[in-house]
Amino acid sequence: MNPGLLAGPQKIKVSDEQLTEMLSTYQALNNEIQSMLTDFFQPLESLVDEGAFTGKTAEAFTEYCTLLRSYLEARYHLSFEEIKLTIEQFHTTLKEIDQLRI
């Protein structure tokens, strides 16, 4: 081996199964967060739907909660999509490396 060249690991020790498991774990976490958001905001939505939550203060609070829920759902969705994309790109790169004939 030429001492002027960089030497990397002979094999990257991440399997397809590990990548699939990571993706599955992140999906389960995403589902759990969605469930938590629903469980948290559902009682408020029920009160609003039943007309039990009235008045300007109640309307302002309801609007705030609706905006907060929308923001949290969008932010969590974006975060998990970024994680999913990163894992998929890593998986693709590993496949490309495996196909190289060096």
PDB file of N, CA and C in Angstrom:
ATOM      1  N   MET A   1       0.840  -1.169   0.000  1.00  0.00           N
ATOM      2  CA  MET A   1       0.000   0.000   0.000  1.00  0.00           C
ATOM      3  C   MET A   1       0.886   1.232   0.000  1.00  0.00           C
ATOM      4  N   ASN A   2       0.490   2.206  -0.768  1.00  0.00           N
ATOM      5  CA  ASN A   2       1.232   3.452  -0.882  1.00  0.00           C
ATOM      6  C   ASN A   2       1.014   4.276   0.385  1.00  0.00           C
ATOM      7  N   PRO A   3       2.093   4.654   1.095  1.00  0.00           N
ATOM      8  CA  PRO A   3       1.918   5.399   2.340  1.00  0.00           C
ATOM      9  C   PRO A   3       1.308   6.787   2.136  1.00  0.00           C
ATOM     10  N   GLY A   4       1.303   7.305   0.907  1.00  0.00           N
ATOM     11  CA  GLY A   4       0.731   8.616   0.638  1.00  0.00           C
ATOM     12  C   GLY A   4      -0.782   8.594   0.500  1.00  0.00           C
ATOM     13  N   LEU A   5      -1.369   7.409   0.382  1.00  0.00           N
ATOM     14  CA  LEU A   5      -2.819   7.292   0.223  1.00  0.00           C
ATOM     15  C   LEU A   5      -3.506   7.120   1.576  1.00  0.00           C
ATOM     16  N   LEU A   6      -4.692   7.625   1.647  1.00  0.00           N
ATOM     17  CA  LEU A   6      -5.474   7.432   2.862  1.00  0.00           C
ATOM     18  C   LEU A   6      -6.059   6.030   2.873  1.00  0.00           C
ATOM     19  N   ALA A   7      -6.077   5.430   4.010  1.00  0.00           N
ATOM     20  CA  ALA A   7      -6.644   4.091   4.131  1.00  0.00           C
ATOM     21  C   ALA A   7      -7.884   4.168   5.012  1.00  0.00           C
ATOM     22  N   GLY A   8      -8.967   3.639   4.516  1.00  0.00           N
ATOM     23  CA  GLY A   8     -10.215   3.622   5.273  1.00  0.00           C
ATOM     24  C   GLY A   8     -10.514   2.216   5.744  1.00  0.00           C
ATOM     25  N   PRO A   9     -11.627   2.041   6.366  1.00  0.00           N
ATOM     26  CA  PRO A   9     -11.993   0.696   6.816  1.00  0.00           C
ATOM     27  C   PRO A   9     -12.226  -0.210   5.609  1.00  0.00           C
ATOM     28  N   GLN A  10     -11.929  -1.469   5.774  1.00  0.00           N
ATOM     29  CA  GLN A  10     -12.133  -2.405   4.674  1.00  0.00           C
ATOM     30  C   GLN A  10     -13.613  -2.614   4.405  1.00  0.00           C
ATOM     31  N   LYS A  11     -14.399  -2.521   5.430  1.00  0.00           N
ATOM     32  CA  LYS A  11     -15.829  -2.740   5.260  1.00  0.00           C
ATOM     33  C   LYS A  11     -16.592  -1.880   6.270  1.00  0.00           C
ATOM     34  N   ILE A  12     -17.620  -1.220   5.795  1.00  0.00           N
ATOM     35  CA  ILE A  12     -18.461  -0.435   6.692  1.00  0.00           C
ATOM     36  C   ILE A  12     -19.388  -1.408   7.409  1.00  0.00           C
ATOM     37  N   LYS A  13     -19.438  -1.305   8.713  1.00  0.00           N
ATOM     38  CA  LYS A  13     -20.172  -2.292   9.491  1.00  0.00           C
ATOM     39  C   LYS A  13     -21.587  -1.826   9.827  1.00  0.00           C
ATOM     40  N   VAL A  14     -22.359  -1.568   8.785  1.00  0.00           N
ATOM     41  CA  VAL A  14     -23.778  -1.252   8.934  1.00  0.00           C
ATOM     42  C   VAL A  14     -24.521  -2.129   7.937  1.00  0.00           C
ATOM     43  N   SER A  15     -25.447  -2.893   8.435  1.00  0.00           N
ATOM     44  CA  SER A  15     -26.160  -3.810   7.549  1.00  0.00           C
ATOM     45  C   SER A  15     -27.472  -3.198   7.070  1.00  0.00           C
ATOM     46  N   ASP A  16     -28.011  -3.788   6.015  1.00  0.00           N
ATOM     47  CA  ASP A  16     -29.326  -3.372   5.521  1.00  0.00           C
ATOM     48  C   ASP A  16     -30.381  -3.542   6.612  1.00  0.00           C
ATOM     49  N   GLU A  17     -30.231  -4.607   7.394  1.00  0.00           N
ATOM     50  CA  GLU A  17     -31.190  -4.858   8.464  1.00  0.00           C
ATOM     51  C   GLU A  17     -31.141  -3.746   9.513  1.00  0.00           C
ATOM     52  N   GLN A  18     -29.928  -3.266   9.818  1.00  0.00           N
ATOM     53  CA  GLN A  18     -29.802  -2.185  10.792  1.00  0.00           C
ATOM     54  C   GLN A  18     -30.445  -0.904  10.265  1.00  0.00           C
ATOM     55  N   LEU A  19     -30.250  -0.610   8.989  1.00  0.00           N
ATOM     56  CA  LEU A  19     -30.868   0.577   8.401  1.00  0.00           C
ATOM     57  C   LEU A  19     -32.389   0.452   8.406  1.00  0.00           C
ATOM     58  N   THR A  20     -32.880  -0.730   8.073  1.00  0.00           N
ATOM     59  CA  THR A  20     -34.325  -0.966   8.083  1.00  0.00           C
ATOM     60  C   THR A  20     -34.873  -0.835   9.500  1.00  0.00           C
ATOM     61  N   GLU A  21     -34.130  -1.353  10.469  1.00  0.00           N
ATOM     62  CA  GLU A  21     -34.550  -1.253  11.867  1.00  0.00           C
ATOM     63  C   GLU A  21     -34.560   0.208  12.336  1.00  0.00           C
ATOM     64  N   MET A  22     -33.552   0.985  11.941  1.00  0.00           N
ATOM     65  CA  MET A  22     -33.530   2.408  12.295  1.00  0.00           C
ATOM     66  C   MET A  22     -34.729   3.125  11.708  1.00  0.00           C
ATOM     67  N   LEU A  23     -35.013   2.846  10.448  1.00  0.00           N
ATOM     68  CA  LEU A  23     -36.147   3.478   9.787  1.00  0.00           C
ATOM     69  C   LEU A  23     -37.453   3.089  10.479  1.00  0.00           C
ATOM     70  N   SER A  24     -37.562   1.835  10.854  1.00  0.00           N
ATOM     71  CA  SER A  24     -38.750   1.349  11.553  1.00  0.00           C
ATOM     72  C   SER A  24     -38.892   2.023  12.921  1.00  0.00           C
ATOM     73  N   THR A  25     -37.776   2.185  13.618  1.00  0.00           N
ATOM     74  CA  THR A  25     -37.786   2.842  14.926  1.00  0.00           C
ATOM     75  C   THR A  25     -38.238   4.290  14.804  1.00  0.00           C
ATOM     76  N   TYR A  26     -37.705   5.003  13.818  1.00  0.00           N
ATOM     77  CA  TYR A  26     -38.099   6.398  13.625  1.00  0.00           C
ATOM     78  C   TYR A  26     -39.566   6.511  13.212  1.00  0.00           C
ATOM     79  N   GLN A  27     -40.051   5.559  12.422  1.00  0.00           N
ATOM     80  CA  GLN A  27     -41.463   5.577  12.030  1.00  0.00           C
ATOM     81  C   GLN A  27     -42.358   5.337  13.244  1.00  0.00           C
ATOM     82  N   ALA A  28     -41.951   4.397  14.106  1.00  0.00           N
ATOM     83  CA  ALA A  28     -42.720   4.130  15.328  1.00  0.00           C
ATOM     84  C   ALA A  28     -42.726   5.360  16.235  1.00  0.00           C
ATOM     85  N   LEU A  29     -41.590   6.034  16.329  1.00  0.00           N
ATOM     86  CA  LEU A  29     -41.506   7.255  17.124  1.00  0.00           C
ATOM     87  C   LEU A  29     -42.396   8.347  16.543  1.00  0.00           C
ATOM     88  N   ASN A  30     -42.403   8.472  15.230  1.00  0.00           N
ATOM     89  CA  ASN A  30     -43.270   9.438  14.558  1.00  0.00           C
ATOM     90  C   ASN A  30     -44.741   9.138  14.868  1.00  0.00           C
ATOM     91  N   ASN A  31     -45.119   7.874  14.781  1.00  0.00           N
ATOM     92  CA  ASN A  31     -46.500   7.480  15.079  1.00  0.00           C
ATOM     93  C   ASN A  31     -46.862   7.783  16.532  1.00  0.00           C
ATOM     94  N   GLU A  32     -45.915   7.543  17.439  1.00  0.00           N
ATOM     95  CA  GLU A  32     -46.150   7.804  18.859  1.00  0.00           C
ATOM     96  C   GLU A  32     -46.353   9.298  19.116  1.00  0.00           C
ATOM     97  N   ILE A  33     -45.556  10.134  18.477  1.00  0.00           N
ATOM     98  CA  ILE A  33     -45.702  11.581  18.647  1.00  0.00           C
ATOM     99  C   ILE A  33     -47.041  12.048  18.085  1.00  0.00           C
ATOM    100  N   GLN A  34     -47.431  11.516  16.928  1.00  0.00           N
ATOM    101  CA  GLN A  34     -48.739  11.870  16.360  1.00  0.00           C
ATOM    102  C   GLN A  34     -49.864  11.483  17.320  1.00  0.00           C
ATOM    103  N   SER A  35     -49.730  10.317  17.921  1.00  0.00           N
ATOM    104  CA  SER A  35     -50.729   9.848  18.880  1.00  0.00           C
ATOM    105  C   SER A  35     -50.770  10.752  20.114  1.00  0.00           C
ATOM    106  N   MET A  36     -49.604  11.158  20.598  1.00  0.00           N
ATOM    107  CA  MET A  36     -49.546  12.050  21.756  1.00  0.00           C
ATOM    108  C   MET A  36     -50.193  13.399  21.449  1.00  0.00           C
ATOM    109  N   LEU A  37     -49.929  13.934  20.267  1.00  0.00           N
ATOM    110  CA  LEU A  37     -50.543  15.206  19.879  1.00  0.00           C
ATOM    111  C   LEU A  37     -52.066  15.082  19.826  1.00  0.00           C
ATOM    112  N   THR A  38     -52.533  13.989  19.242  1.00  0.00           N
ATOM    113  CA  THR A  38     -53.979  13.761  19.162  1.00  0.00           C
ATOM    114  C   THR A  38     -54.576  13.643  20.560  1.00  0.00           C
ATOM    115  N   ASP A  39     -53.933  12.847  21.424  1.00  0.00           N
ATOM    116  CA  ASP A  39     -54.434  12.664  22.788  1.00  0.00           C
ATOM    117  C   ASP A  39     -54.452  13.979  23.565  1.00  0.00           C
ATOM    118  N   PHE A  40     -53.470  14.828  23.319  1.00  0.00           N
ATOM    119  CA  PHE A  40     -53.390  16.096  24.039  1.00  0.00           C
ATOM    120  C   PHE A  40     -54.451  17.084  23.570  1.00  0.00           C
ATOM    121  N   PHE A  41     -54.640  17.190  22.256  1.00  0.00           N
ATOM    122  CA  PHE A  41     -55.539  18.210  21.722  1.00  0.00           C
ATOM    123  C   PHE A  41     -56.991  17.750  21.568  1.00  0.00           C
ATOM    124  N   GLN A  42     -57.251  16.454  21.600  1.00  0.00           N
ATOM    125  CA  GLN A  42     -58.605  15.936  21.397  1.00  0.00           C
ATOM    126  C   GLN A  42     -59.620  16.465  22.412  1.00  0.00           C
ATOM    127  N   PRO A  43     -59.288  16.507  23.710  1.00  0.00           N
ATOM    128  CA  PRO A  43     -60.279  17.036  24.666  1.00  0.00           C
ATOM    129  C   PRO A  43     -60.671  18.487  24.372  1.00  0.00           C
ATOM    130  N   LEU A  44     -59.710  19.311  24.015  1.00  0.00           N
ATOM    131  CA  LEU A  44     -60.006  20.703  23.675  1.00  0.00           C
ATOM    132  C   LEU A  44     -60.911  20.773  22.455  1.00  0.00           C
ATOM    133  N   GLU A  45     -60.594  19.977  21.440  1.00  0.00           N
ATOM    134  CA  GLU A  45     -61.409  19.972  20.226  1.00  0.00           C
ATOM    135  C   GLU A  45     -62.828  19.506  20.527  1.00  0.00           C
ATOM    136  N   SER A  46     -62.969  18.547  21.427  1.00  0.00           N
ATOM    137  CA  SER A  46     -64.302  18.069  21.816  1.00  0.00           C
ATOM    138  C   SER A  46     -65.092  19.170  22.516  1.00  0.00           C
ATOM    139  N   LEU A  47     -64.435  19.895  23.413  1.00  0.00           N
ATOM    140  CA  LEU A  47     -65.107  20.999  24.107  1.00  0.00           C
ATOM    141  C   LEU A  47     -65.563  22.072  23.127  1.00  0.00           C
ATOM    142  N   VAL A  48     -64.728  22.383  22.162  1.00  0.00           N
ATOM    143  CA  VAL A  48     -65.078  23.387  21.157  1.00  0.00           C
ATOM    144  C   VAL A  48     -66.251  22.894  20.322  1.00  0.00           C
ATOM    145  N   ASP A  49     -66.185  21.631  19.880  1.00  0.00           N
ATOM    146  CA  ASP A  49     -67.255  21.066  19.054  1.00  0.00           C
ATOM    147  C   ASP A  49     -68.594  21.023  19.792  1.00  0.00           C
ATOM    148  N   GLU A  50     -68.560  20.808  21.101  1.00  0.00           N
ATOM    149  CA  GLU A  50     -69.789  20.730  21.896  1.00  0.00           C
ATOM    150  C   GLU A  50     -70.299  22.108  22.315  1.00  0.00           C
ATOM    151  N   GLY A  51     -69.539  23.150  21.997  1.00  0.00           N
ATOM    152  CA  GLY A  51     -69.961  24.499  22.352  1.00  0.00           C
ATOM    153  C   GLY A  51     -69.725  24.855  23.806  1.00  0.00           C
ATOM    154  N   ALA A  52     -68.955  24.046  24.515  1.00  0.00           N
ATOM    155  CA  ALA A  52     -68.690  24.289  25.932  1.00  0.00           C
ATOM    156  C   ALA A  52     -67.597  25.330  26.142  1.00  0.00           C
ATOM    157  N   PHE A  53     -66.896  25.632  25.118  1.00  0.00           N
ATOM    158  CA  PHE A  53     -65.776  26.567  25.192  1.00  0.00           C
ATOM    159  C   PHE A  53     -66.162  27.793  24.382  1.00  0.00           C
ATOM    160  N   THR A  54     -66.647  28.837  25.044  1.00  0.00           N
ATOM    161  CA  THR A  54     -67.155  30.004  24.320  1.00  0.00           C
ATOM    162  C   THR A  54     -66.530  31.295  24.836  1.00  0.00           C
ATOM    163  N   GLY A  55     -66.752  32.357  24.109  1.00  0.00           N
ATOM    164  CA  GLY A  55     -66.238  33.664  24.493  1.00  0.00           C
ATOM    165  C   GLY A  55     -64.968  34.006  23.732  1.00  0.00           C
ATOM    166  N   LYS A  56     -64.604  35.285  23.796  1.00  0.00           N
ATOM    167  CA  LYS A  56     -63.437  35.740  23.039  1.00  0.00           C
ATOM    168  C   LYS A  56     -62.140  35.103  23.532  1.00  0.00           C
ATOM    169  N   THR A  57     -62.004  34.972  24.835  1.00  0.00           N
ATOM    170  CA  THR A  57     -60.800  34.358  25.385  1.00  0.00           C
ATOM    171  C   THR A  57     -60.703  32.903  24.946  1.00  0.00           C
ATOM    172  N   ALA A  58     -61.815  32.203  25.013  1.00  0.00           N
ATOM    173  CA  ALA A  58     -61.842  30.804  24.589  1.00  0.00           C
ATOM    174  C   ALA A  58     -61.516  30.680  23.106  1.00  0.00           C
ATOM    175  N   GLU A  59     -62.051  31.578  22.302  1.00  0.00           N
ATOM    176  CA  GLU A  59     -61.770  31.549  20.863  1.00  0.00           C
ATOM    177  C   GLU A  59     -60.296  31.817  20.585  1.00  0.00           C
ATOM    178  N   ALA A  60     -59.722  32.779  21.308  1.00  0.00           N
ATOM    179  CA  ALA A  60     -58.297  33.091  21.125  1.00  0.00           C
ATOM    180  C   ALA A  60     -57.431  31.905  21.541  1.00  0.00           C
ATOM    181  N   PHE A  61     -57.789  31.284  22.678  1.00  0.00           N
ATOM    182  CA  PHE A  61     -57.031  30.131  23.147  1.00  0.00           C
ATOM    183  C   PHE A  61     -57.160  28.964  22.176  1.00  0.00           C
ATOM    184  N   THR A  62     -58.358  28.744  21.674  1.00  0.00           N
ATOM    185  CA  THR A  62     -58.596  27.674  20.706  1.00  0.00           C
ATOM    186  C   THR A  62     -57.790  27.909  19.432  1.00  0.00           C
ATOM    187  N   GLU A  63     -57.774  29.148  18.971  1.00  0.00           N
ATOM    188  CA  GLU A  63     -57.005  29.473  17.768  1.00  0.00           C
ATOM    189  C   GLU A  63     -55.514  29.244  18.007  1.00  0.00           C
ATOM    190  N   TYR A  64     -55.041  29.654  19.177  1.00  0.00           N
ATOM    191  CA  TYR A  64     -53.636  29.437  19.527  1.00  0.00           C
ATOM    192  C   TYR A  64     -53.312  27.943  19.540  1.00  0.00           C
ATOM    193  N   CYS A  65     -54.159  27.156  20.174  1.00  0.00           N
ATOM    194  CA  CYS A  65     -53.926  25.706  20.250  1.00  0.00           C
ATOM    195  C   CYS A  65     -53.953  25.063  18.867  1.00  0.00           C
ATOM    196  N   THR A  66     -54.846  25.522  18.016  1.00  0.00           N
ATOM    197  CA  THR A  66     -54.920  24.998  16.651  1.00  0.00           C
ATOM    198  C   THR A  66     -53.636  25.310  15.889  1.00  0.00           C
ATOM    199  N   LEU A  67     -53.161  26.540  16.025  1.00  0.00           N
ATOM    200  CA  LEU A  67     -51.904  26.917  15.372  1.00  0.00           C
ATOM    201  C   LEU A  67     -50.729  26.123  15.933  1.00  0.00           C
ATOM    202  N   LEU A  68     -50.703  25.964  17.247  1.00  0.00           N
ATOM    203  CA  LEU A  68     -49.629  25.205  17.884  1.00  0.00           C
ATOM    204  C   LEU A  68     -49.626  23.760  17.404  1.00  0.00           C
ATOM    205  N   ARG A  69     -50.799  23.155  17.356  1.00  0.00           N
ATOM    206  CA  ARG A  69     -50.883  21.765  16.895  1.00  0.00           C
ATOM    207  C   ARG A  69     -50.413  21.649  15.443  1.00  0.00           C
ATOM    208  N   SER A  70     -50.853  22.555  14.599  1.00  0.00           N
ATOM    209  CA  SER A  70     -50.441  22.525  13.191  1.00  0.00           C
ATOM    210  C   SER A  70     -48.931  22.677  13.060  1.00  0.00           C
ATOM    211  N   TYR A  71     -48.368  23.593  13.843  1.00  0.00           N
ATOM    212  CA  TYR A  71     -46.919  23.794  13.813  1.00  0.00           C
ATOM    213  C   TYR A  71     -46.188  22.535  14.258  1.00  0.00           C
ATOM    214  N   LEU A  72     -46.608  21.963  15.391  1.00  0.00           N
ATOM    215  CA  LEU A  72     -45.932  20.774  15.909  1.00  0.00           C
ATOM    216  C   LEU A  72     -46.026  19.608  14.929  1.00  0.00           C
ATOM    217  N   GLU A  73     -47.196  19.399  14.362  1.00  0.00           N
ATOM    218  CA  GLU A  73     -47.354  18.310  13.394  1.00  0.00           C
ATOM    219  C   GLU A  73     -46.458  18.526  12.182  1.00  0.00           C
ATOM    220  N   ALA A  74     -46.432  19.741  11.671  1.00  0.00           N
ATOM    221  CA  ALA A  74     -45.598  20.031  10.496  1.00  0.00           C
ATOM    222  C   ALA A  74     -44.121  19.886  10.832  1.00  0.00           C
ATOM    223  N   ARG A  75     -43.712  20.385  11.979  1.00  0.00           N
ATOM    224  CA  ARG A  75     -42.297  20.327  12.366  1.00  0.00           C
ATOM    225  C   ARG A  75     -41.849  18.889  12.585  1.00  0.00           C
ATOM    226  N   TYR A  76     -42.644  18.114  13.322  1.00  0.00           N
ATOM    227  CA  TYR A  76     -42.290  16.715  13.543  1.00  0.00           C
ATOM    228  C   TYR A  76     -42.271  15.948  12.225  1.00  0.00           C
ATOM    229  N   HIS A  77     -43.245  16.200  11.370  1.00  0.00           N
ATOM    230  CA  HIS A  77     -43.290  15.521  10.078  1.00  0.00           C
ATOM    231  C   HIS A  77     -42.034  15.837   9.267  1.00  0.00           C
ATOM    232  N   LEU A  78     -41.653  17.099   9.228  1.00  0.00           N
ATOM    233  CA  LEU A  78     -40.458  17.503   8.493  1.00  0.00           C
ATOM    234  C   LEU A  78     -39.208  16.854   9.079  1.00  0.00           C
ATOM    235  N   SER A  79     -39.098  16.846  10.392  1.00  0.00           N
ATOM    236  CA  SER A  79     -37.934  16.234  11.040  1.00  0.00           C
ATOM    237  C   SER A  79     -37.828  14.753  10.702  1.00  0.00           C
ATOM    238  N   PHE A  80     -38.940  14.046  10.789  1.00  0.00           N
ATOM    239  CA  PHE A  80     -38.907  12.616  10.505  1.00  0.00           C
ATOM    240  C   PHE A  80     -38.679  12.336   9.023  1.00  0.00           C
ATOM    241  N   GLU A  81     -39.171  13.188   8.160  1.00  0.00           N
ATOM    242  CA  GLU A  81     -38.895  13.024   6.729  1.00  0.00           C
ATOM    243  C   GLU A  81     -37.408  13.226   6.446  1.00  0.00           C
ATOM    244  N   GLU A  82     -36.779  14.189   7.136  1.00  0.00           N
ATOM    245  CA  GLU A  82     -35.347  14.416   6.973  1.00  0.00           C
ATOM    246  C   GLU A  82     -34.550  13.204   7.443  1.00  0.00           C
ATOM    247  N   ILE A  83     -34.954  12.636   8.577  1.00  0.00           N
ATOM    248  CA  ILE A  83     -34.283  11.445   9.097  1.00  0.00           C
ATOM    249  C   ILE A  83     -34.459  10.289   8.118  1.00  0.00           C
ATOM    250  N   LYS A  84     -35.667  10.098   7.635  1.00  0.00           N
ATOM    251  CA  LYS A  84     -35.953   9.016   6.684  1.00  0.00           C
ATOM    252  C   LYS A  84     -35.116   9.180   5.422  1.00  0.00           C
ATOM    253  N   LEU A  85     -35.051  10.391   4.901  1.00  0.00           N
ATOM    254  CA  LEU A  85     -34.273  10.656   3.693  1.00  0.00           C
ATOM    255  C   LEU A  85     -32.793  10.379   3.922  1.00  0.00           C
ATOM    256  N   THR A  86     -32.275  10.783   5.074  1.00  0.00           N
ATOM    257  CA  THR A  86     -30.871  10.544   5.397  1.00  0.00           C
ATOM    258  C   THR A  86     -30.571   9.051   5.440  1.00  0.00           C
ATOM    259  N   ILE A  87     -31.431   8.284   6.073  1.00  0.00           N
ATOM    260  CA  ILE A  87     -31.231   6.830   6.152  1.00  0.00           C
ATOM    261  C   ILE A  87     -31.294   6.215   4.757  1.00  0.00           C
ATOM    262  N   GLU A  88     -32.256   6.642   3.948  1.00  0.00           N
ATOM    263  CA  GLU A  88     -32.379   6.105   2.592  1.00  0.00           C
ATOM    264  C   GLU A  88     -31.160   6.468   1.738  1.00  0.00           C
ATOM    265  N   GLN A  89     -30.649   7.695   1.887  1.00  0.00           N
ATOM    266  CA  GLN A  89     -29.456   8.092   1.138  1.00  0.00           C
ATOM    267  C   GLN A  89     -28.246   7.286   1.584  1.00  0.00           C
ATOM    268  N   PHE A  90     -28.119   7.060   2.876  1.00  0.00           N
ATOM    269  CA  PHE A  90     -27.021   6.261   3.398  1.00  0.00           C
ATOM    270  C   PHE A  90     -27.111   4.837   2.860  1.00  0.00           C
ATOM    271  N   HIS A  91     -28.311   4.295   2.849  1.00  0.00           N
ATOM    272  CA  HIS A  91     -28.534   2.946   2.324  1.00  0.00           C
ATOM    273  C   HIS A  91     -28.143   2.871   0.841  1.00  0.00           C
ATOM    274  N   THR A  92     -28.543   3.870   0.063  1.00  0.00           N
ATOM    275  CA  THR A  92     -28.200   3.920  -1.364  1.00  0.00           C
ATOM    276  C   THR A  92     -26.693   4.019  -1.557  1.00  0.00           C
ATOM    277  N   THR A  93     -26.046   4.857  -0.767  1.00  0.00           N
ATOM    278  CA  THR A  93     -24.592   5.008  -0.863  1.00  0.00           C
ATOM    279  C   THR A  93     -23.890   3.701  -0.535  1.00  0.00           C
ATOM    280  N   LEU A  94     -24.367   2.999   0.481  1.00  0.00           N
ATOM    281  CA  LEU A  94     -23.765   1.707   0.821  1.00  0.00           C
ATOM    282  C   LEU A  94     -23.919   0.711  -0.322  1.00  0.00           C
ATOM    283  N   LYS A  95     -25.073   0.706  -0.968  1.00  0.00           N
ATOM    284  CA  LYS A  95     -25.275  -0.188  -2.112  1.00  0.00           C
ATOM    285  C   LYS A  95     -24.318   0.159  -3.245  1.00  0.00           C
ATOM    286  N   GLU A  96     -24.139   1.464  -3.499  1.00  0.00           N
ATOM    287  CA  GLU A  96     -23.217   1.894  -4.552  1.00  0.00           C
ATOM    288  C   GLU A  96     -21.788   1.479  -4.225  1.00  0.00           C
ATOM    289  N   ILE A  97     -21.399   1.594  -2.964  1.00  0.00           N
ATOM    290  CA  ILE A  97     -20.055   1.186  -2.549  1.00  0.00           C
ATOM    291  C   ILE A  97     -19.889  -0.313  -2.731  1.00  0.00           C
ATOM    292  N   ASP A  98     -20.912  -1.080  -2.363  1.00  0.00           N
ATOM    293  CA  ASP A  98     -20.852  -2.538  -2.512  1.00  0.00           C
ATOM    294  C   ASP A  98     -20.693  -2.950  -3.971  1.00  0.00           C
ATOM    295  N   GLN A  99     -21.209  -2.142  -4.900  1.00  0.00           N
ATOM    296  CA  GLN A  99     -21.153  -2.486  -6.320  1.00  0.00           C
ATOM    297  C   GLN A  99     -19.836  -2.087  -6.981  1.00  0.00           C
ATOM    298  N   LEU A 100     -19.020  -1.295  -6.293  1.00  0.00           N
ATOM    299  CA  LEU A 100     -17.740  -0.879  -6.869  1.00  0.00           C
ATOM    300  C   LEU A 100     -16.805  -2.077  -6.992  1.00  0.00           C
ATOM    301  N   ARG A 101     -16.076  -2.108  -8.050  1.00  0.00           N
ATOM    302  CA  ARG A 101     -15.073  -3.162  -8.264  1.00  0.00           C
ATOM    303  C   ARG A 101     -13.697  -2.513  -8.144  1.00  0.00           C
ATOM    304  N   ILE A 102     -13.140  -2.594  -6.960  1.00  0.00           N
ATOM    305  CA  ILE A 102     -11.828  -1.968  -6.735  1.00  0.00           C
ATOM    306  C   ILE A 102     -10.759  -3.032  -6.677  1.00  0.00           C
TER     307      ILE A 102
END
